[in-house]
């Protein structure tokens, strides 16, 4: 074989090897590199999502812990503003306060209604008592955990048969007739 033939064969073999290398690169290696880049991007995206989820989980754990720490306060709020009217509980509360203060209630009427974004239990009652006893009774109502609003009050002097026709001064121990409208609230 001649020298030029050897050189031509070498050039052809080198060209074929380079062409084969380019073909292998284009058809096999480059798609794998593209796929690798896509996988790296997806992994980074997944890691970002995992980080966000861990942050949410941490916030959830903190909120759960705060909620558990506020358990007593939430219970007090639920007692002050219950989910239902709890008419029986209100009746028992008023009865207990009346017995404690020695003030017997003559009548009690309950009526439920809705105002704006809350429900209202209206309580109408009347009783006879001295002003001092009424102040003590009203003070006990104010101390009650359940929210009560004094909506309306009527006070009349109770006249006894012996005082008819006489002008007498009323003292704080004179019997008075009270008619009250109380409001208490519960959640919708």
C-alpha atoms as a PDB file:
ATOM      1  CA  UNK A   1       0.000   0.000   0.000  1.00  0.00           C
ATOM      2  CA  UNK A   2       1.131   3.332  -0.841  1.00  0.00           C
ATOM      3  CA  UNK A   3       1.614   6.144   1.482  1.00  0.00           C
ATOM      4  CA  UNK A   4      -1.163   8.319   0.046  1.00  0.00           C
ATOM      5  CA  UNK A   5      -3.611   5.476   0.252  1.00  0.00           C
ATOM      6  CA  UNK A   6      -2.723   5.010   3.885  1.00  0.00           C
ATOM      7  CA  UNK A   7      -3.251   8.710   4.501  1.00  0.00           C
ATOM      8  CA  UNK A   8      -6.575   8.704   2.681  1.00  0.00           C
ATOM      9  CA  UNK A   9      -7.714   5.658   4.608  1.00  0.00           C
ATOM     10  CA  UNK A  10      -6.661   7.306   7.862  1.00  0.00           C
ATOM     11  CA  UNK A  11      -8.554  10.475   6.956  1.00  0.00           C
ATOM     12  CA  UNK A  12     -11.648   8.463   6.011  1.00  0.00           C
ATOM     13  CA  UNK A  13     -11.500   6.413   9.228  1.00  0.00           C
ATOM     14  CA  UNK A  14     -10.982   9.555  11.312  1.00  0.00           C
ATOM     15  CA  UNK A  15     -13.889  11.234   9.510  1.00  0.00           C
ATOM     16  CA  UNK A  16     -16.094   8.170  10.059  1.00  0.00           C
ATOM     17  CA  UNK A  17     -15.130   8.056  13.745  1.00  0.00           C
ATOM     18  CA  UNK A  18     -15.835  11.784  14.149  1.00  0.00           C
ATOM     19  CA  UNK A  19     -19.163  11.407  12.332  1.00  0.00           C
ATOM     20  CA  UNK A  20     -20.013   8.388  14.493  1.00  0.00           C
ATOM     21  CA  UNK A  21     -19.072  10.367  17.607  1.00  0.00           C
ATOM     22  CA  UNK A  22     -21.267  13.278  16.521  1.00  0.00           C
ATOM     23  CA  UNK A  23     -24.108  10.862  15.716  1.00  0.00           C
ATOM     24  CA  UNK A  24     -23.777   9.154  19.132  1.00  0.00           C
ATOM     25  CA  UNK A  25     -23.608  12.549  20.849  1.00  0.00           C
ATOM     26  CA  UNK A  26     -26.667  13.941  19.048  1.00  0.00           C
ATOM     27  CA  UNK A  27     -28.821  10.839  19.338  1.00  0.00           C
ATOM     28  CA  UNK A  28     -27.812   9.422  22.728  1.00  0.00           C
ATOM     29  CA  UNK A  29     -25.743  11.715  24.930  1.00  0.00           C
ATOM     30  CA  UNK A  30     -27.480  15.059  24.291  1.00  0.00           C
ATOM     31  CA  UNK A  31     -31.002  13.719  25.068  1.00  0.00           C
ATOM     32  CA  UNK A  32     -29.649  12.225  28.277  1.00  0.00           C
ATOM     33  CA  UNK A  33     -28.089  15.568  29.197  1.00  0.00           C
ATOM     34  CA  UNK A  34     -31.396  17.341  28.479  1.00  0.00           C
ATOM     35  CA  UNK A  35     -33.242  14.760  30.551  1.00  0.00           C
ATOM     36  CA  UNK A  36     -30.701  15.230  33.356  1.00  0.00           C
ATOM     37  CA  UNK A  37     -31.276  19.017  33.296  1.00  0.00           C
ATOM     38  CA  UNK A  38     -35.051  18.451  33.424  1.00  0.00           C
ATOM     39  CA  UNK A  39     -34.666  16.032  36.317  1.00  0.00           C
ATOM     40  CA  UNK A  40     -32.448  18.484  38.209  1.00  0.00           C
ATOM     41  CA  UNK A  41     -35.050  21.228  37.660  1.00  0.00           C
ATOM     42  CA  UNK A  42     -37.830  18.901  38.878  1.00  0.00           C
ATOM     43  CA  UNK A  43     -35.754  17.904  41.918  1.00  0.00           C
ATOM     44  CA  UNK A  44     -35.159  21.568  42.774  1.00  0.00           C
ATOM     45  CA  UNK A  45     -38.872  22.271  42.350  1.00  0.00           C
ATOM     46  CA  UNK A  46     -39.769  19.323  44.583  1.00  0.00           C
ATOM     47  CA  UNK A  47     -37.245  20.442  47.209  1.00  0.00           C
ATOM     48  CA  UNK A  48     -38.781  23.930  47.158  1.00  0.00           C
ATOM     49  CA  UNK A  49     -42.249  22.437  47.632  1.00  0.00           C
ATOM     50  CA  UNK A  50     -40.962  20.272  50.483  1.00  0.00           C
ATOM     51  CA  UNK A  51     -39.459  23.356  52.112  1.00  0.00           C
ATOM     52  CA  UNK A  52     -42.770  25.222  51.792  1.00  0.00           C
ATOM     53  CA  UNK A  53     -44.660  22.232  53.217  1.00  0.00           C
ATOM     54  CA  UNK A  54     -42.238  22.031  56.150  1.00  0.00           C
ATOM     55  CA  UNK A  55     -42.807  25.742  56.805  1.00  0.00           C
ATOM     56  CA  UNK A  56     -46.580  25.170  56.748  1.00  0.00           C
ATOM     57  CA  UNK A  57     -46.218  22.185  59.043  1.00  0.00           C
ATOM     58  CA  UNK A  58     -44.152  24.253  61.468  1.00  0.00           C
ATOM     59  CA  UNK A  59     -46.750  27.049  61.414  1.00  0.00           C
ATOM     60  CA  UNK A  60     -49.509  24.477  61.931  1.00  0.00           C
ATOM     61  CA  UNK A  61     -47.669  23.016  64.923  1.00  0.00           C
ATOM     62  CA  UNK A  62     -47.207  26.489  66.424  1.00  0.00           C
ATOM     63  CA  UNK A  63     -50.894  27.340  65.908  1.00  0.00           C
ATOM     64  CA  UNK A  64     -51.966  23.996  67.356  1.00  0.00           C
ATOM     65  CA  UNK A  65     -49.783  24.584  70.399  1.00  0.00           C
ATOM     66  CA  UNK A  66     -51.179  28.118  70.806  1.00  0.00           C
ATOM     67  CA  UNK A  67     -54.724  26.768  70.534  1.00  0.00           C
ATOM     68  CA  UNK A  68     -54.014  24.128  73.162  1.00  0.00           C
ATOM     69  CA  UNK A  69     -52.458  26.750  75.436  1.00  0.00           C
ATOM     70  CA  UNK A  70     -55.578  28.905  75.049  1.00  0.00           C
ATOM     71  CA  UNK A  71     -57.914  26.032  75.935  1.00  0.00           C
ATOM     72  CA  UNK A  72     -59.102  27.618  79.198  1.00  0.00           C
ATOM     73  CA  UNK A  73     -59.679  30.977  77.544  1.00  0.00           C
ATOM     74  CA  UNK A  74     -61.565  29.356  74.667  1.00  0.00           C
ATOM     75  CA  UNK A  75     -63.731  27.524  77.200  1.00  0.00           C
ATOM     76  CA  UNK A  76     -64.470  30.840  78.923  1.00  0.00           C
ATOM     77  CA  UNK A  77     -65.353  32.426  75.573  1.00  0.00           C
ATOM     78  CA  UNK A  78     -67.669  29.516  74.783  1.00  0.00           C
ATOM     79  CA  UNK A  79     -69.342  29.983  78.159  1.00  0.00           C
ATOM     80  CA  UNK A  80     -69.696  33.733  77.629  1.00  0.00           C
ATOM     81  CA  UNK A  81     -70.968  33.328  74.064  1.00  0.00           C
ATOM     82  CA  UNK A  82     -72.281  29.757  73.684  1.00  0.00           C
ATOM     83  CA  UNK A  83     -73.301  28.015  70.457  1.00  0.00           C
ATOM     84  CA  UNK A  84     -76.952  27.683  71.542  1.00  0.00           C
ATOM     85  CA  UNK A  85     -79.348  29.818  73.573  1.00  0.00           C
ATOM     86  CA  UNK A  86     -79.097  27.444  76.573  1.00  0.00           C
ATOM     87  CA  UNK A  87     -82.337  28.740  78.060  1.00  0.00           C
ATOM     88  CA  UNK A  88     -82.250  26.130  80.829  1.00  0.00           C
ATOM     89  CA  UNK A  89     -78.777  27.250  81.890  1.00  0.00           C
ATOM     90  CA  UNK A  90     -79.854  30.912  81.886  1.00  0.00           C
ATOM     91  CA  UNK A  91     -82.896  29.999  83.990  1.00  0.00           C
ATOM     92  CA  UNK A  92     -80.710  28.080  86.437  1.00  0.00           C
ATOM     93  CA  UNK A  93     -78.269  30.995  86.638  1.00  0.00           C
ATOM     94  CA  UNK A  94     -81.018  33.537  87.316  1.00  0.00           C
ATOM     95  CA  UNK A  95     -82.571  31.206  89.890  1.00  0.00           C
ATOM     96  CA  UNK A  96     -79.230  30.728  91.667  1.00  0.00           C
ATOM     97  CA  UNK A  97     -78.572  34.481  91.733  1.00  0.00           C
ATOM     98  CA  UNK A  98     -82.096  35.155  92.996  1.00  0.00           C
ATOM     99  CA  UNK A  99     -81.712  32.590  95.785  1.00  0.00           C
ATOM    100  CA  UNK A 100     -78.277  33.951  96.691  1.00  0.00           C
ATOM    101  CA  UNK A 101     -79.565  37.529  96.965  1.00  0.00           C
ATOM    102  CA  UNK A 102     -82.943  36.597  98.473  1.00  0.00           C
ATOM    103  CA  UNK A 103     -84.856  38.159  95.613  1.00  0.00           C
ATOM    104  CA  UNK A 104     -87.745  35.993  94.355  1.00  0.00           C
ATOM    105  CA  UNK A 105     -88.634  36.437  90.681  1.00  0.00           C
ATOM    106  CA  UNK A 106     -92.374  36.848  90.003  1.00  0.00           C
ATOM    107  CA  UNK A 107     -92.220  35.907  86.328  1.00  0.00           C
ATOM    108  CA  UNK A 108     -89.785  35.009  83.573  1.00  0.00           C
ATOM    109  CA  UNK A 109     -90.377  35.090  79.819  1.00  0.00           C
ATOM    110  CA  UNK A 110     -87.871  34.060  77.161  1.00  0.00           C
ATOM    111  CA  UNK A 111     -87.844  35.109  73.520  1.00  0.00           C
ATOM    112  CA  UNK A 112     -85.196  34.362  70.878  1.00  0.00           C
ATOM    113  CA  UNK A 113     -84.374  36.695  68.010  1.00  0.00           C
ATOM    114  CA  UNK A 114     -81.588  37.434  65.548  1.00  0.00           C
ATOM    115  CA  UNK A 115     -79.833  40.789  65.312  1.00  0.00           C
ATOM    116  CA  UNK A 116     -77.106  41.542  62.774  1.00  0.00           C
ATOM    117  CA  UNK A 117     -74.549  38.730  63.101  1.00  0.00           C
ATOM    118  CA  UNK A 118     -75.613  37.166  66.395  1.00  0.00           C
ATOM    119  CA  UNK A 119     -78.584  35.589  68.127  1.00  0.00           C
ATOM    120  CA  UNK A 120     -80.213  37.149  71.164  1.00  0.00           C
ATOM    121  CA  UNK A 121     -82.131  35.555  74.003  1.00  0.00           C
ATOM    122  CA  UNK A 122     -84.417  38.206  75.486  1.00  0.00           C
ATOM    123  CA  UNK A 123     -85.427  37.662  79.112  1.00  0.00           C
ATOM    124  CA  UNK A 124     -88.326  39.599  80.615  1.00  0.00           C
ATOM    125  CA  UNK A 125     -88.761  39.393  84.360  1.00  0.00           C
ATOM    126  CA  UNK A 126     -90.410  41.279  87.160  1.00  0.00           C
ATOM    127  CA  UNK A 127     -90.017  41.179  90.923  1.00  0.00           C
ATOM    128  CA  UNK A 128     -90.514  43.225  94.073  1.00  0.00           C
ATOM    129  CA  UNK A 129     -87.481  44.211  96.114  1.00  0.00           C
ATOM    130  CA  UNK A 130     -85.750  47.060  97.835  1.00  0.00           C
ATOM    131  CA  UNK A 131     -83.322  49.153  95.852  1.00  0.00           C
ATOM    132  CA  UNK A 132     -80.373  47.797  97.842  1.00  0.00           C
ATOM    133  CA  UNK A 133     -81.385  44.194  97.130  1.00  0.00           C
ATOM    134  CA  UNK A 134     -81.799  45.047  93.459  1.00  0.00           C
ATOM    135  CA  UNK A 135     -78.284  46.562  93.369  1.00  0.00           C
ATOM    136  CA  UNK A 136     -76.838  43.371  94.852  1.00  0.00           C
ATOM    137  CA  UNK A 137     -78.823  41.221  92.370  1.00  0.00           C
ATOM    138  CA  UNK A 138     -77.680  43.345  89.421  1.00  0.00           C
ATOM    139  CA  UNK A 139     -74.082  43.183  90.682  1.00  0.00           C
ATOM    140  CA  UNK A 140     -74.289  39.378  90.654  1.00  0.00           C
ATOM    141  CA  UNK A 141     -75.650  39.457  87.088  1.00  0.00           C
ATOM    142  CA  UNK A 142     -72.664  41.610  86.080  1.00  0.00           C
ATOM    143  CA  UNK A 143     -70.224  39.143  87.663  1.00  0.00           C
ATOM    144  CA  UNK A 144     -71.736  36.262  85.710  1.00  0.00           C
ATOM    145  CA  UNK A 145     -69.475  34.861  82.972  1.00  0.00           C
ATOM    146  CA  UNK A 146     -72.333  34.745  80.470  1.00  0.00           C
ATOM    147  CA  UNK A 147     -72.854  38.160  78.887  1.00  0.00           C
ATOM    148  CA  UNK A 148     -76.041  39.930  80.010  1.00  0.00           C
ATOM    149  CA  UNK A 149     -77.169  43.384  78.904  1.00  0.00           C
ATOM    150  CA  UNK A 150     -79.814  45.325  80.785  1.00  0.00           C
ATOM    151  CA  UNK A 151     -81.929  46.489  77.856  1.00  0.00           C
ATOM    152  CA  UNK A 152     -84.856  48.124  79.647  1.00  0.00           C
ATOM    153  CA  UNK A 153     -85.919  48.732  83.224  1.00  0.00           C
ATOM    154  CA  UNK A 154     -89.157  50.022  84.782  1.00  0.00           C
ATOM    155  CA  UNK A 155     -89.307  50.849  88.471  1.00  0.00           C
ATOM    156  CA  UNK A 156     -92.534  51.555  90.322  1.00  0.00           C
ATOM    157  CA  UNK A 157     -93.158  52.173  93.980  1.00  0.00           C
ATOM    158  CA  UNK A 158     -95.316  49.459  95.494  1.00  0.00           C
ATOM    159  CA  UNK A 159     -98.061  51.077  97.484  1.00  0.00           C
ATOM    160  CA  UNK A 160     -99.234  49.282 100.567  1.00  0.00           C
ATOM    161  CA  UNK A 161    -102.869  49.578 101.712  1.00  0.00           C
ATOM    162  CA  UNK A 162    -101.869  51.483 104.866  1.00  0.00           C
ATOM    163  CA  UNK A 163    -100.018  54.145 102.886  1.00  0.00           C
ATOM    164  CA  UNK A 164    -102.907  54.963 100.525  1.00  0.00           C
ATOM    165  CA  UNK A 165    -103.802  58.613 100.761  1.00  0.00           C
ATOM    166  CA  UNK A 166    -100.618  59.454 102.666  1.00  0.00           C
ATOM    167  CA  UNK A 167     -97.520  60.989 101.241  1.00  0.00           C
ATOM    168  CA  UNK A 168     -94.508  59.015 102.368  1.00  0.00           C
ATOM    169  CA  UNK A 169     -90.886  59.248 101.533  1.00  0.00           C
ATOM    170  CA  UNK A 170     -89.417  56.226  99.810  1.00  0.00           C
ATOM    171  CA  UNK A 171     -86.234  54.918 101.293  1.00  0.00           C
ATOM    172  CA  UNK A 172     -83.753  52.456  99.872  1.00  0.00           C
ATOM    173  CA  UNK A 173     -85.504  49.701 101.853  1.00  0.00           C
ATOM    174  CA  UNK A 174     -88.988  50.551 100.517  1.00  0.00           C
ATOM    175  CA  UNK A 175     -90.451  47.867  98.295  1.00  0.00           C
ATOM    176  CA  UNK A 176     -90.218  48.667  94.611  1.00  0.00           C
ATOM    177  CA  UNK A 177     -91.588  46.799  91.628  1.00  0.00           C
ATOM    178  CA  UNK A 178     -88.963  46.148  88.943  1.00  0.00           C
ATOM    179  CA  UNK A 179     -89.680  45.086  85.371  1.00  0.00           C
ATOM    180  CA  UNK A 180     -86.533  44.211  83.419  1.00  0.00           C
ATOM    181  CA  UNK A 181     -85.597  43.237  79.896  1.00  0.00           C
ATOM    182  CA  UNK A 182     -82.255  41.437  79.848  1.00  0.00           C
ATOM    183  CA  UNK A 183     -80.437  40.353  76.707  1.00  0.00           C
ATOM    184  CA  UNK A 184     -77.946  37.528  76.464  1.00  0.00           C
ATOM    185  CA  UNK A 185     -76.192  36.446  73.303  1.00  0.00           C
ATOM    186  CA  UNK A 186     -75.233  33.237  71.554  1.00  0.00           C
ATOM    187  CA  UNK A 187     -73.511  32.332  68.297  1.00  0.00           C
ATOM    188  CA  UNK A 188     -75.300  31.901  64.996  1.00  0.00           C
END
